[in-house]
Amino acid sequence: MFKKLPHLMSIYLLDSCNGLLCMRDARWIYICNPFTRVYLQLPKLVNYPAQVGHIAFGFHQTTKQYKVIQVVYLRQQVLLGGRINVATSTLVQSQVHVLTIGDPSWRHIGTLPYDLARPIPKALVNGRLHWLSKPNNDNTASILISFDLETEQFQEMAKPDCCGSNRCFHHLMVLRGFLSAGAYHDNDELEVWVMKEYGIKESWIKEFTIGNHLPPTLQQNDLLHFNMAKARFPNSSVRVLCILRNDEILLEYLNRVVVVFDPRHGTFKELTFDAMPHWYKLVVHVGSLNWIHIPVC
């Protein structure tokens, strides 16, 4: 797919929307259609020393605009022996920047009182990006927040009453067009909750439950490397990706194994292919011939 892209030493897959991929290297963000191999290089990223942050790509069906949002967390730099020690630096402030694709530059729209510093999956529903987050304090309870791509406003959304526990919602996804979430509890089963009527707390329902499963590939490797909490393994590290056309469910285990779950029979099947990498990042992508038509001034 990089036939028409510039030569890149390191490029990272960030997101997918309407058949378009959002990728980045150290300086730039690219929007690319892997079918047509046409790409856009966006204006230079907003970069700061010793930063961490989150980038998401989305589309609003009313405005017909594609936007990229970048949340940057500045660090208070600590000098040790005359050198900056990033590991001991602390997050001190967030800055939110938005780029409407077609505009010449990013816009700073304010700060964010939530923690999006870790690379967490988002869900795009009804022209809004959604994340699970935490306030910037010692509170450990997860919060469901959304960002409206039209108004460019953040707001909190209601979770079902089952989520009084801090261990409830674990990750978000879109299933059949509905905002959905994976939840796990002390019984080690992964529950999938779906918001059947957008924005209505009472419309959250438990759609199905996925039993405890350990893929054979993980059994053959050293689990201690990435399993620091055996009592919660593996469901705390399982991500629901999508529902296939045959109603089977695609799962990802620890960025390492892809598994198909058949809810009718309760069976699991591991997916493999030639030259499959040892580690990878996986995003749900539906191919199309879409492209971004930018008006010419």
C-alpha atoms as a PDB file:
ATOM      1  CA  MET A   1       0.000   0.000   0.000  1.00  0.00           C
ATOM      2  CA  PHE A   2       3.007   2.311   0.269  1.00  0.00           C
ATOM      3  CA  LYS A   3       3.596   2.372  -3.492  1.00  0.00           C
ATOM      4  CA  LYS A   4       2.702   6.074  -3.726  1.00  0.00           C
ATOM      5  CA  LEU A   5       3.643   7.065  -0.203  1.00  0.00           C
ATOM      6  CA  PRO A   6       7.052   8.627   0.444  1.00  0.00           C
ATOM      7  CA  HIS A   7       9.787   6.360   1.731  1.00  0.00           C
ATOM      8  CA  LEU A   8       9.166   6.015   5.458  1.00  0.00           C
ATOM      9  CA  MET A   9      11.516   4.469   7.988  1.00  0.00           C
ATOM     10  CA  SER A  10       8.822   4.065  10.672  1.00  0.00           C
ATOM     11  CA  ILE A  11       5.098   4.495  10.208  1.00  0.00           C
ATOM     12  CA  TYR A  12       2.344   3.723  12.697  1.00  0.00           C
ATOM     13  CA  LEU A  13      -1.248   2.759  12.033  1.00  0.00           C
ATOM     14  CA  LEU A  14      -3.549   4.954  14.107  1.00  0.00           C
ATOM     15  CA  ASP A  15      -7.135   4.632  12.959  1.00  0.00           C
ATOM     16  CA  SER A  16      -9.643   3.768  10.221  1.00  0.00           C
ATOM     17  CA  CYS A  17     -12.770   5.605   9.078  1.00  0.00           C
ATOM     18  CA  ASN A  18     -14.964   5.163   5.972  1.00  0.00           C
ATOM     19  CA  GLY A  19     -12.386   2.996   4.240  1.00  0.00           C
ATOM     20  CA  LEU A  20      -9.534   5.430   4.907  1.00  0.00           C
ATOM     21  CA  LEU A  21      -6.516   4.746   7.107  1.00  0.00           C
ATOM     22  CA  CYS A  22      -4.901   7.320   9.383  1.00  0.00           C
ATOM     23  CA  MET A  23      -1.154   6.768   9.877  1.00  0.00           C
ATOM     24  CA  ARG A  24       1.760   8.754  11.223  1.00  0.00           C
ATOM     25  CA  ASP A  25       5.508   8.891  11.349  1.00  0.00           C
ATOM     26  CA  ALA A  26       7.668  11.026  13.633  1.00  0.00           C
ATOM     27  CA  ARG A  27       6.562  14.315  12.055  1.00  0.00           C
ATOM     28  CA  TRP A  28       3.526  13.884   9.824  1.00  0.00           C
ATOM     29  CA  ILE A  29       0.067  12.331   9.677  1.00  0.00           C
ATOM     30  CA  TYR A  30      -1.088  10.639   6.475  1.00  0.00           C
ATOM     31  CA  ILE A  31      -4.601   9.738   5.296  1.00  0.00           C
ATOM     32  CA  CYS A  32      -4.515   6.910   2.782  1.00  0.00           C
ATOM     33  CA  ASN A  33      -6.953   4.700   0.888  1.00  0.00           C
ATOM     34  CA  PRO A  34      -5.147   1.342   0.669  1.00  0.00           C
ATOM     35  CA  PHE A  35      -7.285   0.263  -2.338  1.00  0.00           C
ATOM     36  CA  THR A  36      -6.527   3.268  -4.550  1.00  0.00           C
ATOM     37  CA  ARG A  37      -3.167   4.028  -2.833  1.00  0.00           C
ATOM     38  CA  VAL A  38      -3.935   7.737  -2.898  1.00  0.00           C
ATOM     39  CA  TYR A  39      -2.806   9.667   0.175  1.00  0.00           C
ATOM     40  CA  LEU A  40      -2.821  13.084   1.828  1.00  0.00           C
ATOM     41  CA  GLN A  41      -0.026  14.470   3.966  1.00  0.00           C
ATOM     42  CA  LEU A  42      -1.583  16.619   6.673  1.00  0.00           C
ATOM     43  CA  PRO A  43      -0.053  19.761   8.197  1.00  0.00           C
ATOM     44  CA  LYS A  44       2.794  19.095  10.593  1.00  0.00           C
ATOM     45  CA  LEU A  45       1.881  17.630  13.951  1.00  0.00           C
ATOM     46  CA  VAL A  46       1.745  19.792  17.048  1.00  0.00           C
ATOM     47  CA  ASN A  47       4.794  18.537  18.920  1.00  0.00           C
ATOM     48  CA  TYR A  48       6.200  19.372  22.320  1.00  0.00           C
ATOM     49  CA  PRO A  49       9.230  18.056  24.231  1.00  0.00           C
ATOM     50  CA  ALA A  50       8.629  14.937  26.330  1.00  0.00           C
ATOM     51  CA  GLN A  51       4.968  14.677  25.320  1.00  0.00           C
ATOM     52  CA  VAL A  52       2.518  11.802  25.354  1.00  0.00           C
ATOM     53  CA  GLY A  53      -0.883  11.874  23.770  1.00  0.00           C
ATOM     54  CA  HIS A  54      -3.627  10.386  21.664  1.00  0.00           C
ATOM     55  CA  ILE A  55      -4.685  10.857  18.022  1.00  0.00           C
ATOM     56  CA  ALA A  56      -8.083   9.920  16.544  1.00  0.00           C
ATOM     57  CA  PHE A  57      -9.654  10.251  13.079  1.00  0.00           C
ATOM     58  CA  GLY A  58     -13.378  10.637  12.404  1.00  0.00           C
ATOM     59  CA  PHE A  59     -16.173  11.786  10.085  1.00  0.00           C
ATOM     60  CA  HIS A  60     -19.414  13.657  10.773  1.00  0.00           C
ATOM     61  CA  GLN A  61     -22.297  12.578   8.555  1.00  0.00           C
ATOM     62  CA  THR A  62     -24.055  15.978   8.658  1.00  0.00           C
ATOM     63  CA  THR A  63     -21.146  18.325   8.017  1.00  0.00           C
ATOM     64  CA  LYS A  64     -19.433  15.784   5.709  1.00  0.00           C
ATOM     65  CA  GLN A  65     -16.137  16.806   7.272  1.00  0.00           C
ATOM     66  CA  TYR A  66     -13.227  14.585   8.265  1.00  0.00           C
ATOM     67  CA  LYS A  67     -11.333  15.691  11.342  1.00  0.00           C
ATOM     68  CA  VAL A  68      -8.263  14.571  13.257  1.00  0.00           C
ATOM     69  CA  ILE A  69      -8.060  15.288  16.985  1.00  0.00           C
ATOM     70  CA  GLN A  70      -4.794  15.293  18.908  1.00  0.00           C
ATOM     71  CA  VAL A  71      -4.715  15.335  22.708  1.00  0.00           C
ATOM     72  CA  VAL A  72      -1.272  16.285  23.992  1.00  0.00           C
ATOM     73  CA  TYR A  73      -0.159  15.919  27.601  1.00  0.00           C
ATOM     74  CA  LEU A  74       2.805  18.094  28.497  1.00  0.00           C
ATOM     75  CA  ARG A  75       5.302  16.726  30.975  1.00  0.00           C
ATOM     76  CA  GLN A  76       7.107  18.570  33.698  1.00  0.00           C
ATOM     77  CA  GLN A  77      10.673  17.738  32.794  1.00  0.00           C
ATOM     78  CA  VAL A  78      13.055  16.488  35.460  1.00  0.00           C
ATOM     79  CA  LEU A  79      16.799  17.031  35.129  1.00  0.00           C
ATOM     80  CA  LEU A  80      19.085  14.281  36.430  1.00  0.00           C
ATOM     81  CA  GLY A  81      22.790  14.666  35.892  1.00  0.00           C
ATOM     82  CA  GLY A  82      22.215  17.487  33.448  1.00  0.00           C
ATOM     83  CA  ARG A  83      19.914  15.377  31.248  1.00  0.00           C
ATOM     84  CA  ILE A  84      16.113  15.248  30.962  1.00  0.00           C
ATOM     85  CA  ASN A  85      14.698  12.105  32.551  1.00  0.00           C
ATOM     86  CA  VAL A  86      11.358  11.455  30.866  1.00  0.00           C
ATOM     87  CA  ALA A  87      10.605   8.392  32.987  1.00  0.00           C
ATOM     88  CA  THR A  88      10.390  10.458  36.152  1.00  0.00           C
ATOM     89  CA  SER A  89       8.526  13.365  34.551  1.00  0.00           C
ATOM     90  CA  THR A  90       4.895  13.934  35.462  1.00  0.00           C
ATOM     91  CA  LEU A  91       1.910  14.992  33.370  1.00  0.00           C
ATOM     92  CA  VAL A  92       0.987  18.575  34.135  1.00  0.00           C
ATOM     93  CA  GLN A  93      -1.399  19.821  31.457  1.00  0.00           C
ATOM     94  CA  SER A  94      -3.410  18.658  28.465  1.00  0.00           C
ATOM     95  CA  GLN A  95      -3.928  20.501  25.210  1.00  0.00           C
ATOM     96  CA  VAL A  96      -6.503  19.549  22.580  1.00  0.00           C
ATOM     97  CA  HIS A  97      -5.854  20.326  18.918  1.00  0.00           C
ATOM     98  CA  VAL A  98      -8.220  19.687  15.999  1.00  0.00           C
ATOM     99  CA  LEU A  99      -7.547  19.642  12.264  1.00  0.00           C
ATOM    100  CA  THR A 100     -10.404  19.786   9.773  1.00  0.00           C
ATOM    101  CA  ILE A 101      -8.956  18.027   6.752  1.00  0.00           C
ATOM    102  CA  GLY A 102      -8.615  20.636   4.044  1.00  0.00           C
ATOM    103  CA  ASP A 103      -7.652  23.417   6.462  1.00  0.00           C
ATOM    104  CA  PRO A 104      -4.042  24.663   6.443  1.00  0.00           C
ATOM    105  CA  SER A 105      -3.349  24.293  10.171  1.00  0.00           C
ATOM    106  CA  TRP A 106      -4.350  22.768  13.497  1.00  0.00           C
ATOM    107  CA  ARG A 107      -6.588  24.654  15.940  1.00  0.00           C
ATOM    108  CA  HIS A 108      -6.098  24.680  19.715  1.00  0.00           C
ATOM    109  CA  ILE A 109      -9.552  24.280  21.326  1.00  0.00           C
ATOM    110  CA  GLY A 110      -8.653  24.082  25.012  1.00  0.00           C
ATOM    111  CA  THR A 111      -7.768  21.574  27.691  1.00  0.00           C
ATOM    112  CA  LEU A 112      -9.236  18.222  28.703  1.00  0.00           C
ATOM    113  CA  PRO A 113      -9.877  17.133  32.329  1.00  0.00           C
ATOM    114  CA  TYR A 114      -9.618  13.436  31.424  1.00  0.00           C
ATOM    115  CA  ASP A 115      -6.768  11.004  30.955  1.00  0.00           C
ATOM    116  CA  LEU A 116      -6.259   9.931  27.334  1.00  0.00           C
ATOM    117  CA  ALA A 117      -2.489   9.603  27.652  1.00  0.00           C
ATOM    118  CA  ARG A 118      -2.507   5.843  27.161  1.00  0.00           C
ATOM    119  CA  PRO A 119      -3.150   4.399  23.661  1.00  0.00           C
ATOM    120  CA  ILE A 120      -6.798   3.336  24.052  1.00  0.00           C
ATOM    121  CA  PRO A 121      -9.273   2.295  21.348  1.00  0.00           C
ATOM    122  CA  LYS A 122     -12.042   4.742  20.478  1.00  0.00           C
ATOM    123  CA  ALA A 123     -15.509   4.214  18.998  1.00  0.00           C
ATOM    124  CA  LEU A 124     -17.059   6.494  16.354  1.00  0.00           C
ATOM    125  CA  VAL A 125     -20.885   6.596  16.546  1.00  0.00           C
ATOM    126  CA  ASN A 126     -23.349   9.341  15.519  1.00  0.00           C
ATOM    127  CA  GLY A 127     -20.582  11.714  14.522  1.00  0.00           C
ATOM    128  CA  ARG A 128     -18.974  11.449  17.958  1.00  0.00           C
ATOM    129  CA  LEU A 129     -15.718   9.890  19.090  1.00  0.00           C
ATOM    130  CA  HIS A 130     -15.960   7.930  22.346  1.00  0.00           C
ATOM    131  CA  TRP A 131     -13.337   6.855  24.855  1.00  0.00           C
ATOM    132  CA  LEU A 132     -13.140   5.308  28.296  1.00  0.00           C
ATOM    133  CA  SER A 133     -11.121   7.627  30.480  1.00  0.00           C
ATOM    134  CA  LYS A 134     -10.354   8.722  34.011  1.00  0.00           C
ATOM    135  CA  PRO A 135     -10.287  12.176  35.597  1.00  0.00           C
ATOM    136  CA  ASN A 136      -6.855  13.691  36.107  1.00  0.00           C
ATOM    137  CA  ASN A 137      -6.779  12.751  39.793  1.00  0.00           C
ATOM    138  CA  ASP A 138      -6.555   9.654  41.967  1.00  0.00           C
ATOM    139  CA  ASN A 139     -10.051   8.444  41.055  1.00  0.00           C
ATOM    140  CA  THR A 140      -9.842   4.955  39.525  1.00  0.00           C
ATOM    141  CA  ALA A 141     -13.413   4.715  38.187  1.00  0.00           C
ATOM    142  CA  SER A 142     -13.681   4.757  34.396  1.00  0.00           C
ATOM    143  CA  ILE A 143     -15.726   7.468  32.677  1.00  0.00           C
ATOM    144  CA  LEU A 144     -17.378   7.277  29.258  1.00  0.00           C
ATOM    145  CA  ILE A 145     -16.693  10.502  27.356  1.00  0.00           C
ATOM    146  CA  SER A 146     -17.566  11.672  23.848  1.00  0.00           C
ATOM    147  CA  PHE A 147     -16.310  14.350  21.468  1.00  0.00           C
ATOM    148  CA  ASP A 148     -18.791  15.811  18.975  1.00  0.00           C
ATOM    149  CA  LEU A 149     -17.018  16.299  15.646  1.00  0.00           C
ATOM    150  CA  GLU A 150     -19.495  19.033  14.677  1.00  0.00           C
ATOM    151  CA  THR A 151     -19.571  21.193  17.830  1.00  0.00           C
ATOM    152  CA  GLU A 152     -16.074  20.115  19.012  1.00  0.00           C
ATOM    153  CA  GLN A 153     -17.350  19.710  22.573  1.00  0.00           C
ATOM    154  CA  PHE A 154     -16.546  16.972  25.098  1.00  0.00           C
ATOM    155  CA  GLN A 155     -19.180  15.533  27.406  1.00  0.00           C
ATOM    156  CA  GLU A 156     -19.666  12.582  29.750  1.00  0.00           C
ATOM    157  CA  MET A 157     -22.143   9.829  28.886  1.00  0.00           C
ATOM    158  CA  ALA A 158     -24.085   7.506  31.161  1.00  0.00           C
ATOM    159  CA  LYS A 159     -23.071   3.898  31.673  1.00  0.00           C
ATOM    160  CA  PRO A 160     -25.480   1.184  32.846  1.00  0.00           C
ATOM    161  CA  ASP A 161     -26.051   0.683  36.564  1.00  0.00           C
ATOM    162  CA  CYS A 162     -23.953  -2.508  36.475  1.00  0.00           C
ATOM    163  CA  CYS A 163     -20.890  -0.276  36.221  1.00  0.00           C
ATOM    164  CA  GLY A 164     -20.783   0.786  39.828  1.00  0.00           C
ATOM    165  CA  SER A 165     -17.654  -1.357  40.010  1.00  0.00           C
ATOM    166  CA  ASN A 166     -14.349   0.107  38.837  1.00  0.00           C
ATOM    167  CA  ARG A 167     -13.775  -3.108  36.917  1.00  0.00           C
ATOM    168  CA  CYS A 168     -16.780  -2.843  34.632  1.00  0.00           C
ATOM    169  CA  PHE A 169     -16.241  -1.291  31.208  1.00  0.00           C
ATOM    170  CA  HIS A 170     -12.868  -2.306  29.818  1.00  0.00           C
ATOM    171  CA  HIS A 171     -12.906  -1.186  26.162  1.00  0.00           C
ATOM    172  CA  LEU A 172     -15.230   0.313  23.532  1.00  0.00           C
ATOM    173  CA  MET A 173     -16.141  -0.780  20.009  1.00  0.00           C
ATOM    174  CA  VAL A 174     -18.885  -0.393  17.393  1.00  0.00           C
ATOM    175  CA  LEU A 175     -21.072  -3.453  16.800  1.00  0.00           C
ATOM    176  CA  ARG A 176     -23.642  -3.279  13.989  1.00  0.00           C
ATOM    177  CA  GLY A 177     -23.541   0.517  14.220  1.00  0.00           C
ATOM    178  CA  PHE A 178     -24.205   0.664  17.994  1.00  0.00           C
ATOM    179  CA  LEU A 179     -21.901   1.996  20.687  1.00  0.00           C
ATOM    180  CA  SER A 180     -20.735  -1.095  22.586  1.00  0.00           C
ATOM    181  CA  ALA A 181     -18.420  -1.966  25.459  1.00  0.00           C
ATOM    182  CA  GLY A 182     -16.632  -5.000  26.832  1.00  0.00           C
ATOM    183  CA  ALA A 183     -17.011  -5.579  30.570  1.00  0.00           C
ATOM    184  CA  TYR A 184     -15.533  -8.167  32.897  1.00  0.00           C
ATOM    185  CA  HIS A 185     -16.260  -9.111  36.466  1.00  0.00           C
ATOM    186  CA  ASP A 186     -15.040 -11.514  39.098  1.00  0.00           C
ATOM    187  CA  ASN A 187     -16.489 -14.529  37.263  1.00  0.00           C
ATOM    188  CA  ASP A 188     -13.798 -14.124  34.542  1.00  0.00           C
ATOM    189  CA  GLU A 189     -16.412 -13.938  31.780  1.00  0.00           C
ATOM    190  CA  LEU A 190     -16.281 -11.104  29.249  1.00  0.00           C
ATOM    191  CA  GLU A 191     -19.653  -9.409  28.797  1.00  0.00           C
ATOM    192  CA  VAL A 192     -20.556  -7.275  25.784  1.00  0.00           C
ATOM    193  CA  TRP A 193     -22.948  -4.395  26.442  1.00  0.00           C
ATOM    194  CA  VAL A 194     -24.703  -2.454  23.658  1.00  0.00           C
ATOM    195  CA  MET A 195     -26.410   0.964  23.771  1.00  0.00           C
ATOM    196  CA  LYS A 196     -29.476   0.242  21.625  1.00  0.00           C
ATOM    197  CA  GLU A 197     -30.736   3.851  21.688  1.00  0.00           C
ATOM    198  CA  TYR A 198     -27.930   6.356  21.518  1.00  0.00           C
ATOM    199  CA  GLY A 199     -27.618   8.602  24.561  1.00  0.00           C
ATOM    200  CA  ILE A 200     -30.249   6.740  26.616  1.00  0.00           C
ATOM    201  CA  LYS A 201     -28.789   5.144  29.747  1.00  0.00           C
ATOM    202  CA  GLU A 202     -31.661   2.671  30.100  1.00  0.00           C
ATOM    203  CA  SER A 203     -31.033   1.311  26.582  1.00  0.00           C
ATOM    204  CA  TRP A 204     -27.754  -0.384  27.599  1.00  0.00           C
ATOM    205  CA  ILE A 205     -28.293  -4.159  27.448  1.00  0.00           C
ATOM    206  CA  LYS A 206     -26.001  -7.141  27.868  1.00  0.00           C
ATOM    207  CA  GLU A 207     -25.915  -8.603  24.349  1.00  0.00           C
ATOM    208  CA  PHE A 208     -23.816 -11.726  24.960  1.00  0.00           C
ATOM    209  CA  THR A 209     -21.143 -13.288  27.175  1.00  0.00           C
ATOM    210  CA  ILE A 210     -17.792 -14.744  26.106  1.00  0.00           C
ATOM    211  CA  GLY A 211     -16.391 -17.499  28.297  1.00  0.00           C
ATOM    212  CA  ASN A 212     -12.844 -17.827  29.585  1.00  0.00           C
ATOM    213  CA  HIS A 213     -10.434 -18.931  26.854  1.00  0.00           C
ATOM    214  CA  LEU A 214      -6.663 -19.164  26.505  1.00  0.00           C
ATOM    215  CA  PRO A 215      -5.483 -19.427  22.853  1.00  0.00           C
ATOM    216  CA  PRO A 216      -2.981 -22.264  22.213  1.00  0.00           C
ATOM    217  CA  THR A 217      -0.445 -19.807  20.771  1.00  0.00           C
ATOM    218  CA  LEU A 218      -0.310 -18.009  24.111  1.00  0.00           C
ATOM    219  CA  GLN A 219       0.005 -21.313  25.944  1.00  0.00           C
ATOM    220  CA  GLN A 220       3.168 -22.038  23.964  1.00  0.00           C
ATOM    221  CA  ASN A 221       4.842 -18.757  24.915  1.00  0.00           C
ATOM    222  CA  ASP A 222       6.068 -17.169  28.108  1.00  0.00           C
ATOM    223  CA  LEU A 223       2.936 -15.597  29.537  1.00  0.00           C
ATOM    224  CA  LEU A 224       4.811 -14.046  32.435  1.00  0.00           C
ATOM    225  CA  HIS A 225       6.194 -11.412  30.083  1.00  0.00           C
ATOM    226  CA  PHE A 226       2.838  -9.720  29.693  1.00  0.00           C
ATOM    227  CA  ASN A 227       0.674 -11.262  32.403  1.00  0.00           C
ATOM    228  CA  MET A 228       1.223  -9.519  35.711  1.00  0.00           C
ATOM    229  CA  ALA A 229      -2.209 -10.379  37.060  1.00  0.00           C
ATOM    230  CA  LYS A 230      -2.876 -14.081  36.555  1.00  0.00           C
ATOM    231  CA  ALA A 231      -6.095 -13.985  38.495  1.00  0.00           C
ATOM    232  CA  ARG A 232      -7.598 -11.690  35.854  1.00  0.00           C
ATOM    233  CA  PHE A 233      -6.069 -13.322  32.762  1.00  0.00           C
ATOM    234  CA  PRO A 234      -7.078 -13.506  29.993  1.00  0.00           C
ATOM    235  CA  ASN A 235     -10.295 -11.464  29.906  1.00  0.00           C
ATOM    236  CA  SER A 236      -8.679  -8.254  31.142  1.00  0.00           C
ATOM    237  CA  SER A 237      -6.530  -8.437  28.002  1.00  0.00           C
ATOM    238  CA  VAL A 238      -9.191  -9.498  25.483  1.00  0.00           C
ATOM    239  CA  ARG A 239     -10.610  -6.976  23.007  1.00  0.00           C
ATOM    240  CA  VAL A 240     -13.814  -7.458  20.992  1.00  0.00           C
ATOM    241  CA  LEU A 241     -13.146  -6.146  17.481  1.00  0.00           C
ATOM    242  CA  CYS A 242     -16.305  -6.663  15.425  1.00  0.00           C
ATOM    243  CA  ILE A 243     -19.140  -9.019  14.481  1.00  0.00           C
ATOM    244  CA  LEU A 244     -18.664 -10.799  11.164  1.00  0.00           C
ATOM    245  CA  ARG A 245     -21.389 -11.313   8.579  1.00  0.00           C
ATOM    246  CA  ASN A 246     -21.984 -14.861   9.806  1.00  0.00           C
ATOM    247  CA  ASP A 247     -22.561 -13.479  13.358  1.00  0.00           C
ATOM    248  CA  GLU A 248     -19.248 -14.806  14.640  1.00  0.00           C
ATOM    249  CA  ILE A 249     -17.238 -12.427  16.833  1.00  0.00           C
ATOM    250  CA  LEU A 250     -13.655 -11.405  16.165  1.00  0.00           C
ATOM    251  CA  LEU A 251     -11.462 -11.141  19.288  1.00  0.00           C
ATOM    252  CA  GLU A 252      -7.909  -9.974  19.902  1.00  0.00           C
ATOM    253  CA  TYR A 253      -5.764 -11.334  22.730  1.00  0.00           C
ATOM    254  CA  LEU A 254      -2.870  -9.199  24.011  1.00  0.00           C
ATOM    255  CA  ASN A 255      -2.011  -7.752  20.554  1.00  0.00           C
ATOM    256  CA  ARG A 256      -0.756 -11.232  19.802  1.00  0.00           C
ATOM    257  CA  VAL A 257      -3.555 -13.567  18.699  1.00  0.00           C
ATOM    258  CA  VAL A 258      -6.760 -13.143  16.671  1.00  0.00           C
ATOM    259  CA  VAL A 259      -9.593 -15.533  17.548  1.00  0.00           C
ATOM    260  CA  VAL A 260     -13.067 -16.129  16.081  1.00  0.00           C
ATOM    261  CA  PHE A 261     -15.760 -16.871  18.668  1.00  0.00           C
ATOM    262  CA  ASP A 262     -18.968 -18.644  17.628  1.00  0.00           C
ATOM    263  CA  PRO A 263     -21.661 -17.525  20.122  1.00  0.00           C
ATOM    264  CA  ARG A 264     -24.106 -20.202  18.944  1.00  0.00           C
ATOM    265  CA  HIS A 265     -21.833 -23.089  19.873  1.00  0.00           C
ATOM    266  CA  GLY A 266     -19.500 -21.374  22.330  1.00  0.00           C
ATOM    267  CA  THR A 267     -16.418 -22.395  20.335  1.00  0.00           C
ATOM    268  CA  PHE A 268     -13.132 -20.558  19.679  1.00  0.00           C
ATOM    269  CA  LYS A 269     -10.951 -20.761  16.561  1.00  0.00           C
ATOM    270  CA  GLU A 270      -7.571 -19.090  16.217  1.00  0.00           C
ATOM    271  CA  LEU A 271      -6.832 -17.217  12.971  1.00  0.00           C
ATOM    272  CA  THR A 272      -3.382 -17.436  11.422  1.00  0.00           C
ATOM    273  CA  PHE A 273      -1.881 -16.572   8.055  1.00  0.00           C
ATOM    274  CA  ASP A 274       1.516 -16.778   6.375  1.00  0.00           C
ATOM    275  CA  ALA A 275       4.106 -14.277   7.588  1.00  0.00           C
ATOM    276  CA  MET A 276       1.901 -13.241  10.516  1.00  0.00           C
ATOM    277  CA  PRO A 277       3.978 -10.914  12.750  1.00  0.00           C
ATOM    278  CA  HIS A 278       4.731 -11.733  16.367  1.00  0.00           C
ATOM    279  CA  TRP A 279       3.241  -8.459  17.625  1.00  0.00           C
ATOM    280  CA  TYR A 280       0.927  -6.052  15.836  1.00  0.00           C
ATOM    281  CA  LYS A 281      -1.689  -3.337  16.192  1.00  0.00           C
ATOM    282  CA  LEU A 282      -5.081  -4.174  14.767  1.00  0.00           C
ATOM    283  CA  VAL A 283      -7.895  -1.779  13.803  1.00  0.00           C
ATOM    284  CA  VAL A 284     -11.244  -2.649  12.243  1.00  0.00           C
ATOM    285  CA  HIS A 285     -11.210  -1.512   8.608  1.00  0.00           C
ATOM    286  CA  VAL A 286     -13.897  -1.871   5.909  1.00  0.00           C
ATOM    287  CA  GLY A 287     -12.442  -1.248   2.458  1.00  0.00           C
ATOM    288  CA  SER A 288     -14.026   1.196   0.018  1.00  0.00           C
ATOM    289  CA  LEU A 289     -13.153   3.599  -2.800  1.00  0.00           C
ATOM    290  CA  ASN A 290     -13.966   6.661  -0.673  1.00  0.00           C
ATOM    291  CA  TRP A 291     -11.792   9.720  -0.820  1.00  0.00           C
ATOM    292  CA  ILE A 292     -11.739  13.187   0.728  1.00  0.00           C
ATOM    293  CA  HIS A 293     -12.731  15.859  -1.756  1.00  0.00           C
ATOM    294  CA  ILE A 294     -11.182  19.123  -0.643  1.00  0.00           C
ATOM    295  CA  PRO A 295     -12.618  22.303  -2.240  1.00  0.00           C
ATOM    296  CA  VAL A 296     -10.131  24.262  -4.296  1.00  0.00           C
ATOM    297  CA  CYS A 297      -9.980  27.934  -3.262  1.00  0.00           C
END
